[in-house]
């Protein structure tokens, strides 16, 4: 039996910038051979519809509901995924045999056992003629887990493959920031640390009409208000013992209230410092002091945030791209890896990553119709 697959993994994150696709040849365990990767952006009009779907998602009671704006958003997500996948599959040196589809999360509340990812896996399977492994969070949530983060088992495999000194931390700064702690005996603890880029991006869009704080230029011109950072850090999420996860909008209303009438540039500086401080203070939960910190995700592109993070730790931050793994596509690679684990009936979530009671399988497969 062949236990190695070449899988195109996808990630459409909470920052709503577009769809990442990464091709990975893997056995879902120790074999990790990255292939080509690419990014397909959402248009401004598409992004506006997806943002509206986030608003509607907060009122969902049936995760299968695709009425109104949610159905419109799913069509966009599906169309963009098909374009993105076709491009990368065509470029792949090795024939792609499966897709690991994350979809677009529009709502996540494990307390209600509700996590909603849109993207029509069956239509994608029919268009590509490939089986699609999808819906990777649902089983974990239904069994009492947080449903996120799911990438830690891949982060742990990467840390091992890179020969990193342990204890080691893999930090992903996406729409929400999350960490994976890997101990010397390969034990794993993972959790969301707090806001990542989503809070910053949404503030930039609302106050500057820009999708993001490019190069941290707006935050770099502002002044941090430490009292507000402390007030934001009083949010009850930070006292919850991990594993724990967040919806991308968890801090929005709380942050706007705390910022009050602060100048927009000062607010951006303060929110950036808040994100960095939340990541730093997560160390209270680590079982041991990390000797290695690897960073990936869109936050790596923000020099203001990276400077703040480095100032908070004596451990030199390592960027995933400098280690041979493009930091932008780590999560897409992770979902290719998770798809391989699904195919091999290996668990994808664990008590130390999502608080699920026992190591848990996850995912479903949509096969091309007629196959």
Protein backbone atom coordinates (compact mmCIF):
# COMPACT_ATOMS: atom_id res chain seq x y z
CA UNK A 1 0.00 0.00 0.00
CA UNK A 2 1.33 3.41 -1.00
CA UNK A 3 1.30 5.69 2.04
CA UNK A 4 2.69 8.74 0.24
CA UNK A 5 0.48 11.29 -1.46
CA UNK A 6 0.98 14.48 -3.45
CA UNK A 7 -1.69 16.84 -2.17
CA UNK A 8 -2.63 20.43 -2.97
CA UNK A 9 -3.50 22.05 0.36
CA UNK A 10 -5.50 25.26 0.57
CA UNK A 11 -5.91 28.04 3.09
CA UNK A 12 -8.30 30.97 2.91
CA UNK A 13 -7.62 32.72 6.17
CA UNK A 14 -9.55 35.11 8.35
CA UNK A 15 -7.58 38.04 6.94
CA UNK A 16 -9.70 37.58 3.77
CA UNK A 17 -6.84 38.39 1.42
CA UNK A 18 -7.30 35.38 -0.87
CA UNK A 19 -6.53 31.70 -1.35
CA UNK A 20 -3.15 30.08 -0.73
CA UNK A 21 -2.41 26.76 -2.42
CA UNK A 22 0.67 24.63 -1.63
CA UNK A 23 1.58 21.27 -3.09
CA UNK A 24 3.11 18.82 -0.61
CA UNK A 25 4.31 15.25 -1.04
CA UNK A 26 3.87 13.56 2.33
CA UNK A 27 2.99 10.43 4.22
CA UNK A 28 1.24 12.48 6.92
CA UNK A 29 4.05 11.65 9.32
CA UNK A 30 7.75 12.35 8.75
CA UNK A 31 8.04 12.71 4.98
CA UNK A 32 7.67 16.36 3.97
CA UNK A 33 8.63 17.43 0.46
CA UNK A 34 7.29 20.86 -0.50
CA UNK A 35 6.37 21.61 -4.09
CA UNK A 36 5.10 24.72 -5.81
CA UNK A 37 2.81 27.22 -4.10
CA UNK A 38 0.85 30.28 -5.11
CA UNK A 39 -1.68 32.90 -4.04
CA UNK A 40 -4.91 34.01 -5.71
CA UNK A 41 -6.39 37.20 -4.23
CA UNK A 42 -10.01 38.05 -3.65
CA UNK A 43 -11.15 41.24 -5.37
CA UNK A 44 -12.35 44.15 -3.27
CA UNK A 45 -15.93 43.38 -4.29
CA UNK A 46 -15.54 39.71 -3.37
CA UNK A 47 -13.95 40.64 -0.05
CA UNK A 48 -16.89 42.91 0.79
CA UNK A 49 -19.32 40.03 0.24
CA UNK A 50 -17.21 37.72 2.39
CA UNK A 51 -17.16 40.34 5.12
CA UNK A 52 -20.95 40.45 5.00
CA UNK A 53 -20.99 36.65 5.28
CA UNK A 54 -18.98 37.00 8.51
CA UNK A 55 -21.72 39.26 9.86
CA UNK A 56 -24.42 36.77 8.85
CA UNK A 57 -22.41 33.83 10.17
CA UNK A 58 -22.73 35.12 13.72
CA UNK A 59 -26.48 34.39 13.56
CA UNK A 60 -26.26 30.89 12.07
CA UNK A 61 -27.79 27.95 13.90
CA UNK A 62 -27.45 25.38 11.10
CA UNK A 63 -23.90 25.06 9.76
CA UNK A 64 -25.25 23.74 6.43
CA UNK A 65 -27.38 26.84 5.81
CA UNK A 66 -26.30 28.57 2.59
CA UNK A 67 -29.18 31.01 2.19
CA UNK A 68 -28.76 34.64 1.20
CA UNK A 69 -25.35 36.27 1.44
CA UNK A 70 -23.75 33.07 2.78
CA UNK A 71 -24.64 31.20 -0.41
CA UNK A 72 -23.31 34.08 -2.49
CA UNK A 73 -20.09 34.07 -0.48
CA UNK A 74 -19.71 30.31 -0.88
CA UNK A 75 -19.95 30.62 -4.65
CA UNK A 76 -17.13 33.18 -4.60
CA UNK A 77 -14.97 31.06 -2.32
CA UNK A 78 -15.55 28.00 -4.52
CA UNK A 79 -14.83 29.82 -7.79
CA UNK A 80 -11.58 31.33 -6.49
CA UNK A 81 -10.45 27.99 -5.06
CA UNK A 82 -11.06 26.27 -8.39
CA UNK A 83 -8.97 28.88 -10.24
CA UNK A 84 -6.20 28.78 -7.64
CA UNK A 85 -6.07 24.98 -7.52
CA UNK A 86 -6.08 24.53 -11.29
CA UNK A 87 -3.12 26.87 -11.61
CA UNK A 88 -0.98 25.14 -8.98
CA UNK A 89 -1.96 21.61 -9.99
CA UNK A 90 -0.91 22.40 -13.55
CA UNK A 91 2.46 23.68 -12.31
CA UNK A 92 3.17 20.70 -10.06
CA UNK A 93 6.11 18.51 -11.07
CA UNK A 94 4.41 15.49 -9.48
CA UNK A 95 0.82 14.58 -10.34
CA UNK A 96 -1.53 15.81 -7.60
CA UNK A 97 -3.80 13.02 -6.36
CA UNK A 98 -5.88 14.78 -3.66
CA UNK A 99 -6.80 18.23 -2.37
CA UNK A 100 -6.83 19.23 1.30
CA UNK A 101 -9.50 21.95 1.47
CA UNK A 102 -9.78 24.21 4.48
CA UNK A 103 -12.48 26.46 3.04
CA UNK A 104 -13.31 29.89 4.43
CA UNK A 105 -14.29 30.08 8.09
CA UNK A 106 -17.13 32.54 8.56
CA UNK A 107 -17.99 31.63 12.14
CA UNK A 108 -16.36 29.63 14.91
CA UNK A 109 -17.86 29.04 18.35
CA UNK A 110 -16.91 25.67 19.85
CA UNK A 111 -19.02 26.50 22.91
CA UNK A 112 -22.06 26.10 20.65
CA UNK A 113 -20.38 23.19 18.81
CA UNK A 114 -20.62 25.35 15.72
CA UNK A 115 -17.84 25.92 13.22
CA UNK A 116 -18.69 27.01 9.68
CA UNK A 117 -16.35 26.76 6.70
CA UNK A 118 -17.79 27.64 3.30
CA UNK A 119 -16.57 26.28 -0.03
CA UNK A 120 -18.40 23.67 -2.11
CA UNK A 121 -16.13 20.61 -1.92
CA UNK A 122 -18.33 18.56 -4.27
CA UNK A 123 -18.22 21.20 -7.02
CA UNK A 124 -14.46 21.54 -6.62
CA UNK A 125 -14.10 17.74 -6.87
CA UNK A 126 -16.19 17.68 -10.03
CA UNK A 127 -14.25 20.55 -11.63
CA UNK A 128 -10.83 19.10 -10.83
CA UNK A 129 -11.62 15.41 -11.14
CA UNK A 130 -9.88 14.83 -7.80
CA UNK A 131 -11.06 13.70 -4.34
CA UNK A 132 -11.31 16.59 -1.89
CA UNK A 133 -10.61 16.07 1.82
CA UNK A 134 -12.58 18.76 3.65
CA UNK A 135 -14.58 19.70 6.77
CA UNK A 136 -11.59 18.94 8.97
CA UNK A 137 -12.77 20.83 12.08
CA UNK A 138 -16.28 19.50 12.59
CA UNK A 139 -15.60 16.14 14.24
CA UNK A 140 -13.31 17.75 16.80
CA UNK A 141 -15.92 20.36 17.73
CA UNK A 142 -18.70 17.77 17.97
CA UNK A 143 -16.56 15.72 20.36
CA UNK A 144 -16.10 18.70 22.68
CA UNK A 145 -12.87 20.09 21.22
CA UNK A 146 -12.04 23.67 20.27
CA UNK A 147 -11.75 22.77 16.57
CA UNK A 148 -8.65 24.95 16.34
CA UNK A 149 -5.81 25.25 15.88
CA UNK A 150 -5.44 22.23 13.59
CA UNK A 151 -1.97 22.91 12.18
CA UNK A 152 0.04 21.92 15.33
CA UNK A 153 0.63 18.31 14.28
CA UNK A 154 2.22 19.69 11.09
CA UNK A 155 4.17 22.31 13.04
CA UNK A 156 5.56 19.52 15.24
CA UNK A 157 6.56 17.51 12.16
CA UNK A 158 8.30 20.58 10.72
CA UNK A 159 10.19 21.24 13.95
CA UNK A 160 11.37 17.64 13.93
CA UNK A 161 12.31 17.70 10.23
CA UNK A 162 14.30 20.92 10.69
CA UNK A 163 16.19 19.45 13.65
CA UNK A 164 15.24 22.46 15.79
CA UNK A 165 16.43 22.57 19.39
CA UNK A 166 13.55 21.78 21.73
CA UNK A 167 11.57 22.90 23.57
CA UNK A 168 10.49 24.80 20.48
CA UNK A 169 7.68 27.17 19.57
CA UNK A 170 6.04 27.48 16.17
CA UNK A 171 4.20 30.81 16.03
CA UNK A 172 1.71 31.55 13.26
CA UNK A 173 0.48 35.15 12.99
CA UNK A 174 -2.52 34.92 10.70
CA UNK A 175 -5.90 36.56 11.18
CA UNK A 176 -5.71 35.08 14.67
CA UNK A 177 -2.29 34.28 16.21
CA UNK A 178 -1.59 30.79 17.48
CA UNK A 179 1.35 28.89 18.93
CA UNK A 180 2.47 25.27 18.98
CA UNK A 181 4.79 24.25 21.83
CA UNK A 182 6.79 21.08 21.19
CA UNK A 183 8.68 19.64 24.16
CA UNK A 184 11.82 17.53 24.23
CA UNK A 185 9.74 14.34 24.29
CA UNK A 186 7.67 15.63 21.33
CA UNK A 187 4.71 16.50 23.59
CA UNK A 188 2.49 19.17 22.03
CA UNK A 189 0.52 22.07 23.49
CA UNK A 190 -1.19 24.48 21.11
CA UNK A 191 -3.64 27.36 21.37
CA UNK A 192 -4.68 30.72 19.99
CA UNK A 193 -2.80 33.52 21.75
CA UNK A 194 -5.12 36.37 20.80
CA UNK A 195 -5.62 38.63 17.81
CA UNK A 196 -3.32 38.44 14.82
CA UNK A 197 -3.77 40.46 11.64
CA UNK A 198 -7.58 40.50 11.44
CA UNK A 199 -8.03 43.20 14.09
CA UNK A 200 -5.34 45.35 12.44
CA UNK A 201 -6.65 44.79 8.91
CA UNK A 202 -10.23 45.64 9.83
CA UNK A 203 -9.14 48.81 11.62
CA UNK A 204 -7.06 49.84 8.58
CA UNK A 205 -10.01 49.26 6.26
CA UNK A 206 -12.40 51.23 8.47
CA UNK A 207 -10.13 54.20 9.17
CA UNK A 208 -7.74 54.39 6.22
CA UNK A 209 -9.58 52.56 3.44
CA UNK A 210 -6.62 50.18 3.10
CA UNK A 211 -6.58 46.39 3.30
CA UNK A 212 -3.60 46.23 5.64
CA UNK A 213 -0.90 48.24 7.37
CA UNK A 214 1.73 47.66 4.69
CA UNK A 215 5.17 47.28 6.30
CA UNK A 216 3.67 48.51 9.58
CA UNK A 217 4.02 52.07 8.29
CA UNK A 218 0.90 53.44 10.03
CA UNK A 219 1.66 51.76 13.36
CA UNK A 220 5.25 52.94 13.04
CA UNK A 221 4.08 56.58 12.99
CA UNK A 222 1.84 56.18 16.04
CA UNK A 223 2.51 56.01 19.77
CA UNK A 224 1.60 53.04 21.91
CA UNK A 225 -0.73 53.73 24.84
CA UNK A 226 0.40 51.19 27.43
CA UNK A 227 -2.66 51.70 29.63
CA UNK A 228 -4.90 50.66 26.76
CA UNK A 229 -2.76 47.60 26.06
CA UNK A 230 -3.12 46.61 29.72
CA UNK A 231 -6.86 47.15 29.52
CA UNK A 232 -7.08 44.95 26.43
CA UNK A 233 -5.03 42.27 28.16
CA UNK A 234 -7.69 42.16 30.91
CA UNK A 235 -10.02 40.33 28.51
CA UNK A 236 -11.08 37.03 30.16
CA UNK A 237 -9.74 35.01 27.22
CA UNK A 238 -6.18 35.47 28.45
CA UNK A 239 -6.90 33.83 31.81
CA UNK A 240 -8.45 30.76 30.20
CA UNK A 241 -6.19 27.76 30.40
CA UNK A 242 -5.30 26.33 26.98
CA UNK A 243 -6.05 24.68 24.67
CA UNK A 244 -8.36 27.49 23.52
CA UNK A 245 -9.43 29.12 20.28
CA UNK A 246 -10.91 32.36 19.03
CA UNK A 247 -13.29 33.71 16.42
CA UNK A 248 -11.55 36.39 14.33
CA UNK A 249 -13.90 39.11 15.64
CA UNK A 250 -13.65 38.23 19.32
CA UNK A 251 -11.77 41.42 20.27
CA UNK A 252 -13.25 43.93 17.83
CA UNK A 253 -15.91 45.57 19.99
CA UNK A 254 -13.77 45.30 23.13
CA UNK A 255 -10.83 46.96 21.38
CA UNK A 256 -12.86 49.79 19.89
CA UNK A 257 -14.29 50.60 23.32
CA UNK A 258 -10.83 50.59 24.91
CA UNK A 259 -9.35 52.79 22.19
CA UNK A 260 -12.02 55.43 22.63
CA UNK A 261 -11.14 58.60 20.72
CA UNK A 262 -7.44 57.83 20.30
CA UNK A 263 -5.87 59.10 17.09
CA UNK A 264 -6.02 56.49 14.31
CA UNK A 265 -2.23 56.12 13.99
CA UNK A 266 -1.86 55.78 17.77
CA UNK A 267 -4.65 53.20 17.75
CA UNK A 268 -2.81 51.15 15.14
CA UNK A 269 0.40 51.33 17.16
CA UNK A 270 -1.49 50.25 20.27
CA UNK A 271 -3.31 47.38 18.55
CA UNK A 272 -0.02 46.13 17.07
CA UNK A 273 1.56 46.23 20.53
CA UNK A 274 -1.49 44.43 21.94
CA UNK A 275 -1.05 41.59 19.43
CA UNK A 276 2.65 41.27 20.28
CA UNK A 277 2.00 41.44 24.03
CA UNK A 278 -0.68 38.75 23.82
CA UNK A 279 1.76 36.47 22.00
CA UNK A 280 4.47 37.18 24.56
CA UNK A 281 2.26 36.65 27.61
CA UNK A 282 1.15 33.28 26.24
CA UNK A 283 4.43 31.95 27.59
CA UNK A 284 2.79 31.69 31.03
CA UNK A 285 1.19 28.51 29.74
CA UNK A 286 4.32 26.88 28.28
CA UNK A 287 5.46 23.77 30.19
CA UNK A 288 9.10 24.79 29.72
CA UNK A 289 11.21 27.67 28.38
CA UNK A 290 11.50 27.52 24.59
CA UNK A 291 14.95 27.40 23.02
CA UNK A 292 13.67 27.89 19.46
CA UNK A 293 10.95 30.20 18.11
CA UNK A 294 9.93 29.85 14.45
CA UNK A 295 7.52 32.45 13.06
CA UNK A 296 5.23 32.25 10.04
CA UNK A 297 2.11 33.92 8.67
CA UNK A 298 1.29 37.37 7.39
CA UNK A 299 2.52 39.03 10.59
CA UNK A 300 6.08 38.22 9.54
CA UNK A 301 5.70 40.94 6.88
CA UNK A 302 5.04 43.59 9.54
CA UNK A 303 8.46 44.84 10.74
CA UNK A 304 6.92 46.86 13.58
CA UNK A 305 5.26 43.77 15.02
CA UNK A 306 8.38 41.64 14.54
CA UNK A 307 10.54 44.25 16.27
CA UNK A 308 8.13 44.35 19.22
CA UNK A 309 8.13 40.55 19.46
CA UNK A 310 11.91 40.29 19.32
CA UNK A 311 12.24 42.90 22.07
CA UNK A 312 10.06 40.74 24.32
CA UNK A 313 12.19 37.57 24.15
CA UNK A 314 15.92 36.76 24.40
CA UNK A 315 15.45 33.92 21.88
CA UNK A 316 16.30 34.94 18.32
CA UNK A 317 13.19 34.69 16.17
CA UNK A 318 13.61 32.44 13.14
CA UNK A 319 11.48 33.09 10.05
CA UNK A 320 10.11 29.95 8.41
CA UNK A 321 11.12 31.23 4.97
CA UNK A 322 14.76 31.42 6.07
CA UNK A 323 14.55 27.72 6.98
CA UNK A 324 13.34 26.63 3.55
CA UNK A 325 9.57 26.80 4.13
CA UNK A 326 7.79 29.84 2.69
CA UNK A 327 6.15 31.34 5.76
CA UNK A 328 3.15 32.56 3.77
CA UNK A 329 2.21 29.00 2.74
CA UNK A 330 2.76 27.11 6.00
CA UNK A 331 -0.97 26.78 6.67
CA UNK A 332 -1.74 25.59 3.13
CA UNK A 333 0.98 22.96 3.51
CA UNK A 334 -0.54 22.04 6.87
CA UNK A 335 -3.90 21.24 5.30
CA UNK A 336 -2.23 19.08 2.69
CA UNK A 337 -0.55 17.24 5.56
CA UNK A 338 -3.84 16.90 7.46
CA UNK A 339 -5.48 15.49 4.33
CA UNK A 340 -2.77 12.82 4.16
CA UNK A 341 -3.39 11.97 7.80
CA UNK A 342 -7.11 11.66 7.08
CA UNK A 343 -6.37 9.28 4.19
CA UNK A 344 -4.16 7.16 6.46
CA UNK A 345 -6.68 7.25 9.33
CA UNK A 346 -4.26 9.10 11.59
CA UNK A 347 -5.51 11.61 14.19
CA UNK A 348 -5.35 15.31 13.35
CA UNK A 349 -6.26 16.84 16.72
CA UNK A 350 -5.21 15.96 20.26
CA UNK A 351 -6.03 16.75 23.89
CA UNK A 352 -3.11 19.20 24.00
CA UNK A 353 -4.07 21.02 20.82
CA UNK A 354 -7.85 21.41 20.90
CA UNK A 355 -8.82 19.98 24.32
CA UNK A 356 -10.58 17.08 22.62
CA UNK A 357 -10.90 14.08 25.00
CA UNK A 358 -8.63 11.79 22.93
CA UNK A 359 -6.66 11.89 19.67
CA UNK A 360 -9.27 12.51 17.02
CA UNK A 361 -9.74 11.73 13.34
CA UNK A 362 -11.26 14.43 11.19
CA UNK A 363 -12.51 15.27 7.73
CA UNK A 364 -14.73 13.98 4.96
CA UNK A 365 -14.00 13.18 1.30
CA UNK A 366 -15.95 14.49 -1.68
CA UNK A 367 -15.27 12.29 -4.72
CA UNK A 368 -15.82 13.48 -8.31
CA UNK A 369 -19.32 12.47 -9.30
CA UNK A 370 -19.35 9.40 -11.52
CA UNK A 371 -15.98 8.17 -10.20
